[in-house]
Amino acid sequence: MIEHPGAVIDHVYLAFDGLTAAVINMTDTLGRLVNSAYGLNIDPKRASLLAVRDICTASSTLGAVLHNPQNTDWLRKVRDLRGRCQHADIEEVLTSETSPYSQRGQPFVEVAYCWNVPVRPMLVLDYAEEALVAAENSLLAAMAAILSAPTNPIS
């Protein structure tokens, strides 16, 4: 049992950093698989769904998915957030209302990382849930697009 409020917040920060990394890694993994399977010649270190999107024609089955802002706006925001987390800026990204440290509530994510309209600061748990749902929806849509035209989903 953790009794020190600072330790609880540290665990929240670590878990949130892990979540953002996992979500981005899932999309990057699919991007690398598509890159390899279809010989797109994207540098493997830079292969991601966003890099694949840049090669897809908008009218292709995969391009229609990846050019849809619903499937990529969240990805850009979470990718940026992940970068901030990796560079130890997480305390600048996750904030909480001013109150005594022992009484602070759940941290929230600043509006700069929100993809919803209208933008708003989001509690960490709400942001995490929405990021997971967005990732799942986008990955499933991309895989369905690939399966619907397996010989050439790119052009």
N, C-alpha and C. Protein backbone atom coordinates (compact mmCIF):
# COMPACT_ATOMS: atom_id res chain seq x y z
N MET A 1 0.83 -1.18 0.00
CA MET A 1 0.00 0.00 0.00
C MET A 1 0.88 1.24 0.00
N ILE A 2 0.56 2.20 -0.87
CA ILE A 2 1.32 3.44 -0.95
C ILE A 2 0.61 4.50 -0.13
N GLU A 3 1.32 5.06 0.83
CA GLU A 3 0.69 6.05 1.70
C GLU A 3 1.14 7.46 1.40
N HIS A 4 2.24 7.63 0.73
CA HIS A 4 2.76 8.97 0.46
C HIS A 4 2.14 9.50 -0.83
N PRO A 5 1.45 10.65 -0.79
CA PRO A 5 0.77 11.15 -1.98
C PRO A 5 1.73 11.40 -3.15
N GLY A 6 2.95 11.81 -2.86
CA GLY A 6 3.92 12.03 -3.93
C GLY A 6 4.25 10.75 -4.66
N ALA A 7 4.31 9.65 -3.92
CA ALA A 7 4.61 8.35 -4.54
C ALA A 7 3.46 7.92 -5.43
N VAL A 8 2.24 8.21 -5.02
CA VAL A 8 1.08 7.86 -5.85
C VAL A 8 1.15 8.61 -7.16
N ILE A 9 1.43 9.90 -7.10
CA ILE A 9 1.53 10.70 -8.32
C ILE A 9 2.66 10.18 -9.21
N ASP A 10 3.79 9.81 -8.62
CA ASP A 10 4.89 9.25 -9.41
C ASP A 10 4.44 7.99 -10.14
N HIS A 11 3.66 7.15 -9.50
CA HIS A 11 3.15 5.94 -10.14
C HIS A 11 2.18 6.27 -11.26
N VAL A 12 1.37 7.29 -11.06
CA VAL A 12 0.46 7.73 -12.12
C VAL A 12 1.27 8.20 -13.32
N TYR A 13 2.30 8.99 -13.08
CA TYR A 13 3.15 9.50 -14.17
C TYR A 13 3.79 8.35 -14.93
N LEU A 14 4.34 7.38 -14.19
CA LEU A 14 4.99 6.23 -14.84
C LEU A 14 4.00 5.41 -15.65
N ALA A 15 2.83 5.18 -15.09
CA ALA A 15 1.82 4.41 -15.81
C ALA A 15 1.36 5.14 -17.06
N PHE A 16 1.19 6.45 -16.97
CA PHE A 16 0.74 7.23 -18.11
C PHE A 16 1.82 7.25 -19.19
N ASP A 17 3.06 7.38 -18.81
CA ASP A 17 4.18 7.33 -19.75
C ASP A 17 4.18 5.98 -20.46
N GLY A 18 3.98 4.91 -19.73
CA GLY A 18 3.93 3.57 -20.32
C GLY A 18 2.76 3.41 -21.27
N LEU A 19 1.63 3.97 -20.91
CA LEU A 19 0.45 3.87 -21.78
C LEU A 19 0.68 4.61 -23.09
N THR A 20 1.19 5.82 -23.03
CA THR A 20 1.41 6.57 -24.28
C THR A 20 2.43 5.85 -25.16
N ALA A 21 3.46 5.31 -24.54
CA ALA A 21 4.47 4.57 -25.32
C ALA A 21 3.84 3.33 -25.98
N ALA A 22 3.03 2.61 -25.23
CA ALA A 22 2.41 1.39 -25.77
C ALA A 22 1.48 1.71 -26.94
N VAL A 23 0.69 2.75 -26.82
CA VAL A 23 -0.25 3.11 -27.88
C VAL A 23 0.51 3.48 -29.15
N ILE A 24 1.54 4.29 -29.02
CA ILE A 24 2.32 4.69 -30.19
C ILE A 24 3.08 3.50 -30.76
N ASN A 25 3.61 2.65 -29.90
CA ASN A 25 4.34 1.47 -30.39
C ASN A 25 3.44 0.55 -31.20
N MET A 26 2.17 0.43 -30.80
CA MET A 26 1.24 -0.42 -31.57
C MET A 26 1.08 0.13 -32.99
N THR A 27 0.89 1.43 -33.11
CA THR A 27 0.69 2.01 -34.44
C THR A 27 1.98 1.96 -35.25
N ASP A 28 3.11 2.18 -34.58
CA ASP A 28 4.39 2.09 -35.30
C ASP A 28 4.65 0.67 -35.78
N THR A 29 4.28 -0.31 -34.99
CA THR A 29 4.48 -1.71 -35.38
C THR A 29 3.67 -2.03 -36.63
N LEU A 30 2.43 -1.59 -36.68
CA LEU A 30 1.64 -1.83 -37.88
C LEU A 30 2.25 -1.09 -39.07
N GLY A 31 2.72 0.12 -38.86
CA GLY A 31 3.38 0.86 -39.94
C GLY A 31 4.61 0.13 -40.46
N ARG A 32 5.39 -0.45 -39.55
CA ARG A 32 6.58 -1.20 -39.97
C ARG A 32 6.20 -2.46 -40.73
N LEU A 33 5.14 -3.12 -40.29
CA LEU A 33 4.69 -4.32 -41.00
C LEU A 33 4.21 -3.99 -42.41
N VAL A 34 3.45 -2.92 -42.54
CA VAL A 34 2.97 -2.50 -43.86
C VAL A 34 4.16 -2.11 -44.74
N ASN A 35 5.09 -1.39 -44.17
CA ASN A 35 6.30 -0.98 -44.89
C ASN A 35 7.05 -2.19 -45.43
N SER A 36 7.22 -3.18 -44.59
CA SER A 36 7.94 -4.39 -44.98
C SER A 36 7.14 -5.23 -45.98
N ALA A 37 5.87 -5.44 -45.70
CA ALA A 37 5.04 -6.31 -46.55
C ALA A 37 4.85 -5.75 -47.96
N TYR A 38 4.78 -4.44 -48.09
CA TYR A 38 4.49 -3.84 -49.39
C TYR A 38 5.69 -3.12 -50.00
N GLY A 39 6.87 -3.32 -49.41
CA GLY A 39 8.11 -2.75 -49.97
C GLY A 39 8.04 -1.25 -50.19
N LEU A 40 7.62 -0.51 -49.18
CA LEU A 40 7.44 0.94 -49.32
C LEU A 40 8.75 1.72 -49.22
N ASN A 41 9.81 1.06 -48.80
CA ASN A 41 11.14 1.69 -48.70
C ASN A 41 11.20 2.86 -47.74
N ILE A 42 10.37 2.83 -46.71
CA ILE A 42 10.47 3.82 -45.63
C ILE A 42 11.58 3.33 -44.71
N ASP A 43 12.43 4.23 -44.27
CA ASP A 43 13.48 3.87 -43.31
C ASP A 43 12.80 3.16 -42.13
N PRO A 44 13.21 1.94 -41.82
CA PRO A 44 12.55 1.18 -40.75
C PRO A 44 12.46 1.92 -39.42
N LYS A 45 13.42 2.78 -39.13
CA LYS A 45 13.38 3.54 -37.88
C LYS A 45 12.31 4.64 -37.93
N ARG A 46 11.89 5.01 -39.11
CA ARG A 46 10.89 6.08 -39.27
C ARG A 46 9.53 5.56 -39.72
N ALA A 47 9.45 4.26 -39.95
CA ALA A 47 8.19 3.68 -40.41
C ALA A 47 7.14 3.78 -39.30
N SER A 48 5.99 4.29 -39.66
CA SER A 48 4.86 4.44 -38.75
C SER A 48 3.61 4.54 -39.61
N LEU A 49 2.46 4.52 -39.00
CA LEU A 49 1.25 4.69 -39.79
C LEU A 49 1.21 6.06 -40.46
N LEU A 50 1.76 7.08 -39.81
CA LEU A 50 1.78 8.40 -40.42
C LEU A 50 2.71 8.43 -41.64
N ALA A 51 3.83 7.72 -41.56
CA ALA A 51 4.74 7.64 -42.72
C ALA A 51 4.09 6.85 -43.85
N VAL A 52 3.38 5.80 -43.52
CA VAL A 52 2.65 5.02 -44.53
C VAL A 52 1.57 5.90 -45.17
N ARG A 53 0.89 6.69 -44.35
CA ARG A 53 -0.14 7.60 -44.85
C ARG A 53 0.41 8.52 -45.92
N ASP A 54 1.63 9.01 -45.73
CA ASP A 54 2.24 9.93 -46.70
C ASP A 54 2.48 9.28 -48.06
N ILE A 55 2.55 7.95 -48.09
CA ILE A 55 2.78 7.23 -49.35
C ILE A 55 1.46 6.79 -49.99
N CYS A 56 0.45 6.55 -49.19
CA CYS A 56 -0.84 6.07 -49.70
C CYS A 56 -1.56 7.15 -50.50
N THR A 57 -2.19 6.73 -51.58
CA THR A 57 -3.10 7.64 -52.26
C THR A 57 -4.38 7.72 -51.42
N ALA A 58 -4.99 8.87 -51.40
CA ALA A 58 -6.17 9.08 -50.57
C ALA A 58 -7.33 8.19 -50.98
N SER A 59 -7.34 7.74 -52.21
CA SER A 59 -8.45 6.90 -52.70
C SER A 59 -8.22 5.41 -52.47
N SER A 60 -7.05 5.02 -52.05
CA SER A 60 -6.79 3.60 -51.80
C SER A 60 -7.52 3.17 -50.53
N THR A 61 -7.65 1.86 -50.35
CA THR A 61 -8.38 1.38 -49.18
C THR A 61 -7.70 1.80 -47.88
N LEU A 62 -6.39 1.66 -47.82
CA LEU A 62 -5.66 2.08 -46.62
C LEU A 62 -5.54 3.60 -46.55
N GLY A 63 -5.37 4.22 -47.69
CA GLY A 63 -5.28 5.68 -47.72
C GLY A 63 -6.55 6.34 -47.22
N ALA A 64 -7.71 5.79 -47.57
CA ALA A 64 -8.98 6.35 -47.10
C ALA A 64 -9.05 6.34 -45.57
N VAL A 65 -8.49 5.31 -44.96
CA VAL A 65 -8.47 5.22 -43.50
C VAL A 65 -7.46 6.20 -42.92
N LEU A 66 -6.26 6.19 -43.46
CA LEU A 66 -5.18 6.99 -42.87
C LEU A 66 -5.28 8.48 -43.21
N HIS A 67 -6.00 8.83 -44.24
CA HIS A 67 -6.21 10.24 -44.55
C HIS A 67 -7.43 10.81 -43.83
N ASN A 68 -8.14 9.98 -43.13
CA ASN A 68 -9.29 10.42 -42.34
C ASN A 68 -8.77 10.98 -41.02
N PRO A 69 -9.02 12.28 -40.74
CA PRO A 69 -8.51 12.89 -39.51
C PRO A 69 -8.93 12.14 -38.24
N GLN A 70 -10.05 11.47 -38.28
CA GLN A 70 -10.50 10.70 -37.11
C GLN A 70 -9.49 9.62 -36.74
N ASN A 71 -8.76 9.12 -37.74
CA ASN A 71 -7.79 8.06 -37.50
C ASN A 71 -6.37 8.55 -37.29
N THR A 72 -6.14 9.84 -37.50
CA THR A 72 -4.76 10.32 -37.35
C THR A 72 -4.59 11.53 -36.44
N ASP A 73 -5.63 12.33 -36.23
CA ASP A 73 -5.48 13.50 -35.35
C ASP A 73 -5.07 13.08 -33.94
N TRP A 74 -5.72 12.07 -33.43
CA TRP A 74 -5.37 11.58 -32.09
C TRP A 74 -3.93 11.08 -32.06
N LEU A 75 -3.52 10.44 -33.15
CA LEU A 75 -2.18 9.85 -33.21
C LEU A 75 -1.10 10.93 -33.13
N ARG A 76 -1.30 12.02 -33.83
CA ARG A 76 -0.33 13.12 -33.76
C ARG A 76 -0.22 13.68 -32.35
N LYS A 77 -1.36 13.86 -31.70
CA LYS A 77 -1.38 14.43 -30.34
C LYS A 77 -0.73 13.49 -29.34
N VAL A 78 -1.08 12.21 -29.40
CA VAL A 78 -0.50 11.25 -28.45
C VAL A 78 0.99 11.05 -28.74
N ARG A 79 1.38 11.08 -30.02
CA ARG A 79 2.80 10.95 -30.36
C ARG A 79 3.60 12.12 -29.76
N ASP A 80 3.07 13.32 -29.87
CA ASP A 80 3.73 14.49 -29.29
C ASP A 80 3.80 14.36 -27.78
N LEU A 81 2.71 13.91 -27.17
CA LEU A 81 2.68 13.71 -25.73
C LEU A 81 3.70 12.66 -25.31
N ARG A 82 3.79 11.59 -26.06
CA ARG A 82 4.77 10.54 -25.75
C ARG A 82 6.19 11.11 -25.76
N GLY A 83 6.48 11.95 -26.76
CA GLY A 83 7.79 12.58 -26.82
C GLY A 83 8.08 13.42 -25.59
N ARG A 84 7.07 14.15 -25.15
CA ARG A 84 7.25 14.97 -23.94
C ARG A 84 7.49 14.08 -22.72
N CYS A 85 6.76 12.97 -22.63
CA CYS A 85 6.94 12.04 -21.51
C CYS A 85 8.35 11.45 -21.53
N GLN A 86 8.83 11.07 -22.71
CA GLN A 86 10.16 10.47 -22.82
C GLN A 86 11.27 11.44 -22.47
N HIS A 87 11.01 12.72 -22.62
CA HIS A 87 12.03 13.73 -22.32
C HIS A 87 11.82 14.35 -20.94
N ALA A 88 11.15 13.60 -20.08
CA ALA A 88 10.97 13.98 -18.68
C ALA A 88 10.22 15.30 -18.52
N ASP A 89 9.37 15.61 -19.47
CA ASP A 89 8.55 16.82 -19.37
C ASP A 89 7.16 16.49 -18.86
N ILE A 90 6.97 15.32 -18.33
CA ILE A 90 5.62 14.88 -17.98
C ILE A 90 4.96 15.78 -16.95
N GLU A 91 5.76 16.37 -16.06
CA GLU A 91 5.17 17.27 -15.07
C GLU A 91 4.68 18.57 -15.70
N GLU A 92 5.18 18.88 -16.88
CA GLU A 92 4.70 20.07 -17.60
C GLU A 92 3.43 19.74 -18.38
N VAL A 93 3.20 18.48 -18.65
CA VAL A 93 2.06 18.05 -19.45
C VAL A 93 0.89 17.66 -18.56
N LEU A 94 1.18 16.90 -17.53
CA LEU A 94 0.15 16.51 -16.57
C LEU A 94 0.16 17.50 -15.43
N THR A 95 -0.94 18.18 -15.26
CA THR A 95 -1.01 19.18 -14.21
C THR A 95 -2.19 18.87 -13.30
N SER A 96 -2.28 19.59 -12.22
CA SER A 96 -3.43 19.43 -11.33
C SER A 96 -3.79 20.80 -10.79
N GLU A 97 -5.01 20.89 -10.31
CA GLU A 97 -5.45 22.15 -9.76
C GLU A 97 -4.61 22.51 -8.54
N THR A 98 -4.44 23.79 -8.31
CA THR A 98 -3.66 24.24 -7.18
C THR A 98 -4.37 23.87 -5.89
N SER A 99 -3.65 23.17 -5.04
CA SER A 99 -4.16 22.78 -3.73
C SER A 99 -2.97 22.22 -2.95
N PRO A 100 -3.12 22.02 -1.67
CA PRO A 100 -2.02 21.39 -0.93
C PRO A 100 -1.67 20.05 -1.59
N TYR A 101 -0.39 19.74 -1.65
CA TYR A 101 0.08 18.55 -2.35
C TYR A 101 -0.64 17.29 -1.89
N SER A 102 -0.91 17.18 -0.61
CA SER A 102 -1.55 15.97 -0.09
C SER A 102 -3.02 15.87 -0.47
N GLN A 103 -3.59 16.96 -1.01
CA GLN A 103 -5.01 16.95 -1.36
C GLN A 103 -5.25 17.07 -2.86
N ARG A 104 -4.21 17.03 -3.66
CA ARG A 104 -4.39 17.17 -5.10
C ARG A 104 -5.18 16.00 -5.65
N GLY A 105 -5.98 16.31 -6.64
CA GLY A 105 -6.77 15.28 -7.28
C GLY A 105 -6.02 14.67 -8.45
N GLN A 106 -6.73 13.93 -9.23
CA GLN A 106 -6.18 13.27 -10.40
C GLN A 106 -5.60 14.32 -11.36
N PRO A 107 -4.41 14.10 -11.86
CA PRO A 107 -3.83 15.05 -12.83
C PRO A 107 -4.64 15.07 -14.12
N PHE A 108 -4.51 16.14 -14.86
CA PHE A 108 -5.18 16.23 -16.14
C PHE A 108 -4.17 16.59 -17.22
N VAL A 109 -4.53 16.29 -18.45
CA VAL A 109 -3.69 16.53 -19.61
C VAL A 109 -4.09 17.87 -20.21
N GLU A 110 -3.10 18.69 -20.52
CA GLU A 110 -3.35 20.02 -21.07
C GLU A 110 -4.07 19.96 -22.41
N VAL A 111 -4.74 21.04 -22.77
CA VAL A 111 -5.54 21.10 -24.00
C VAL A 111 -4.71 20.93 -25.27
N ALA A 112 -3.43 21.23 -25.22
CA ALA A 112 -2.58 21.09 -26.41
C ALA A 112 -2.55 19.66 -26.93
N TYR A 113 -2.88 18.69 -26.08
CA TYR A 113 -2.81 17.29 -26.47
C TYR A 113 -4.19 16.66 -26.68
N CYS A 114 -5.21 17.49 -26.72
CA CYS A 114 -6.57 17.02 -26.92
C CYS A 114 -6.92 17.09 -28.40
N TRP A 115 -7.52 16.04 -28.91
CA TRP A 115 -7.94 16.00 -30.32
C TRP A 115 -9.46 16.16 -30.45
N ASN A 116 -10.15 16.23 -29.35
CA ASN A 116 -11.60 16.38 -29.39
C ASN A 116 -11.99 17.82 -29.72
N VAL A 117 -13.20 17.98 -30.23
CA VAL A 117 -13.71 19.32 -30.49
C VAL A 117 -14.97 19.48 -29.65
N PRO A 118 -15.03 20.47 -28.80
CA PRO A 118 -14.01 21.47 -28.51
C PRO A 118 -12.90 20.86 -27.65
N VAL A 119 -11.71 21.44 -27.75
CA VAL A 119 -10.60 20.95 -26.94
C VAL A 119 -10.86 21.33 -25.48
N ARG A 120 -10.35 20.48 -24.61
CA ARG A 120 -10.51 20.72 -23.18
C ARG A 120 -9.45 19.94 -22.44
N PRO A 121 -9.07 20.42 -21.28
CA PRO A 121 -8.17 19.58 -20.48
C PRO A 121 -8.93 18.32 -20.06
N MET A 122 -8.23 17.21 -20.04
CA MET A 122 -8.87 15.93 -19.72
C MET A 122 -8.17 15.26 -18.55
N LEU A 123 -8.96 14.68 -17.67
CA LEU A 123 -8.37 13.89 -16.59
C LEU A 123 -7.56 12.75 -17.20
N VAL A 124 -6.49 12.39 -16.54
CA VAL A 124 -5.58 11.36 -17.04
C VAL A 124 -6.33 10.08 -17.41
N LEU A 125 -7.21 9.62 -16.56
CA LEU A 125 -7.92 8.37 -16.85
C LEU A 125 -8.82 8.52 -18.06
N ASP A 126 -9.48 9.66 -18.21
CA ASP A 126 -10.33 9.88 -19.38
C ASP A 126 -9.49 9.93 -20.65
N TYR A 127 -8.36 10.62 -20.58
CA TYR A 127 -7.47 10.72 -21.74
C TYR A 127 -6.96 9.34 -22.13
N ALA A 128 -6.54 8.57 -21.14
CA ALA A 128 -6.02 7.23 -21.40
C ALA A 128 -7.09 6.37 -22.08
N GLU A 129 -8.30 6.42 -21.57
CA GLU A 129 -9.38 5.63 -22.15
C GLU A 129 -9.66 6.06 -23.60
N GLU A 130 -9.73 7.36 -23.84
CA GLU A 130 -10.00 7.84 -25.19
C GLU A 130 -8.86 7.51 -26.15
N ALA A 131 -7.62 7.57 -25.67
CA ALA A 131 -6.48 7.21 -26.52
C ALA A 131 -6.53 5.73 -26.89
N LEU A 132 -6.87 4.89 -25.94
CA LEU A 132 -6.96 3.45 -26.23
C LEU A 132 -8.08 3.15 -27.21
N VAL A 133 -9.21 3.79 -27.05
CA VAL A 133 -10.33 3.58 -27.97
C VAL A 133 -9.96 4.07 -29.37
N ALA A 134 -9.33 5.25 -29.45
CA ALA A 134 -8.93 5.80 -30.75
C ALA A 134 -7.91 4.88 -31.42
N ALA A 135 -6.95 4.37 -30.65
CA ALA A 135 -5.95 3.46 -31.21
C ALA A 135 -6.60 2.18 -31.72
N GLU A 136 -7.47 1.61 -30.92
CA GLU A 136 -8.14 0.38 -31.33
C GLU A 136 -8.95 0.60 -32.60
N ASN A 137 -9.73 1.67 -32.64
CA ASN A 137 -10.55 1.95 -33.82
C ASN A 137 -9.69 2.16 -35.07
N SER A 138 -8.62 2.90 -34.93
CA SER A 138 -7.75 3.19 -36.07
C SER A 138 -7.02 1.94 -36.55
N LEU A 139 -6.51 1.15 -35.62
CA LEU A 139 -5.80 -0.07 -36.00
C LEU A 139 -6.75 -1.07 -36.67
N LEU A 140 -7.94 -1.22 -36.12
CA LEU A 140 -8.91 -2.14 -36.73
C LEU A 140 -9.33 -1.65 -38.11
N ALA A 141 -9.53 -0.35 -38.26
CA ALA A 141 -9.90 0.19 -39.57
C ALA A 141 -8.78 -0.02 -40.58
N ALA A 142 -7.54 0.20 -40.17
CA ALA A 142 -6.39 0.01 -41.06
C ALA A 142 -6.26 -1.46 -41.46
N MET A 143 -6.41 -2.36 -40.51
CA MET A 143 -6.30 -3.79 -40.83
C MET A 143 -7.44 -4.24 -41.74
N ALA A 144 -8.64 -3.72 -41.51
CA ALA A 144 -9.77 -4.06 -42.38
C ALA A 144 -9.51 -3.56 -43.80
N ALA A 145 -8.92 -2.37 -43.92
CA ALA A 145 -8.61 -1.82 -45.24
C ALA A 145 -7.58 -2.69 -45.96
N ILE A 146 -6.59 -3.13 -45.22
CA ILE A 146 -5.55 -3.99 -45.81
C ILE A 146 -6.17 -5.32 -46.26
N LEU A 147 -7.00 -5.89 -45.41
CA LEU A 147 -7.62 -7.18 -45.74
C LEU A 147 -8.60 -7.08 -46.89
N SER A 148 -9.19 -5.90 -47.11
CA SER A 148 -10.14 -5.75 -48.21
C SER A 148 -9.45 -5.65 -49.56
N ALA A 149 -8.16 -5.30 -49.57
CA ALA A 149 -7.39 -5.22 -50.82
C ALA A 149 -5.95 -5.65 -50.52
N PRO A 150 -5.77 -6.93 -50.17
CA PRO A 150 -4.47 -7.38 -49.68
C PRO A 150 -3.33 -7.27 -50.70
N THR A 151 -3.62 -7.29 -51.98
CA THR A 151 -2.54 -7.22 -52.95
C THR A 151 -2.01 -5.79 -53.11
N ASN A 152 -2.86 -4.80 -52.88
CA ASN A 152 -2.40 -3.40 -52.99
C ASN A 152 -3.36 -2.45 -52.28
N PRO A 153 -3.22 -2.30 -50.97
CA PRO A 153 -4.07 -1.36 -50.26
C PRO A 153 -3.55 0.09 -50.30
N ILE A 154 -2.40 0.29 -50.95
CA ILE A 154 -1.68 1.57 -50.89
C ILE A 154 -2.09 2.54 -52.01
N SER A 155 -2.32 2.02 -53.21
CA SER A 155 -2.62 2.94 -54.33
C SER A 155 -3.86 2.52 -55.10
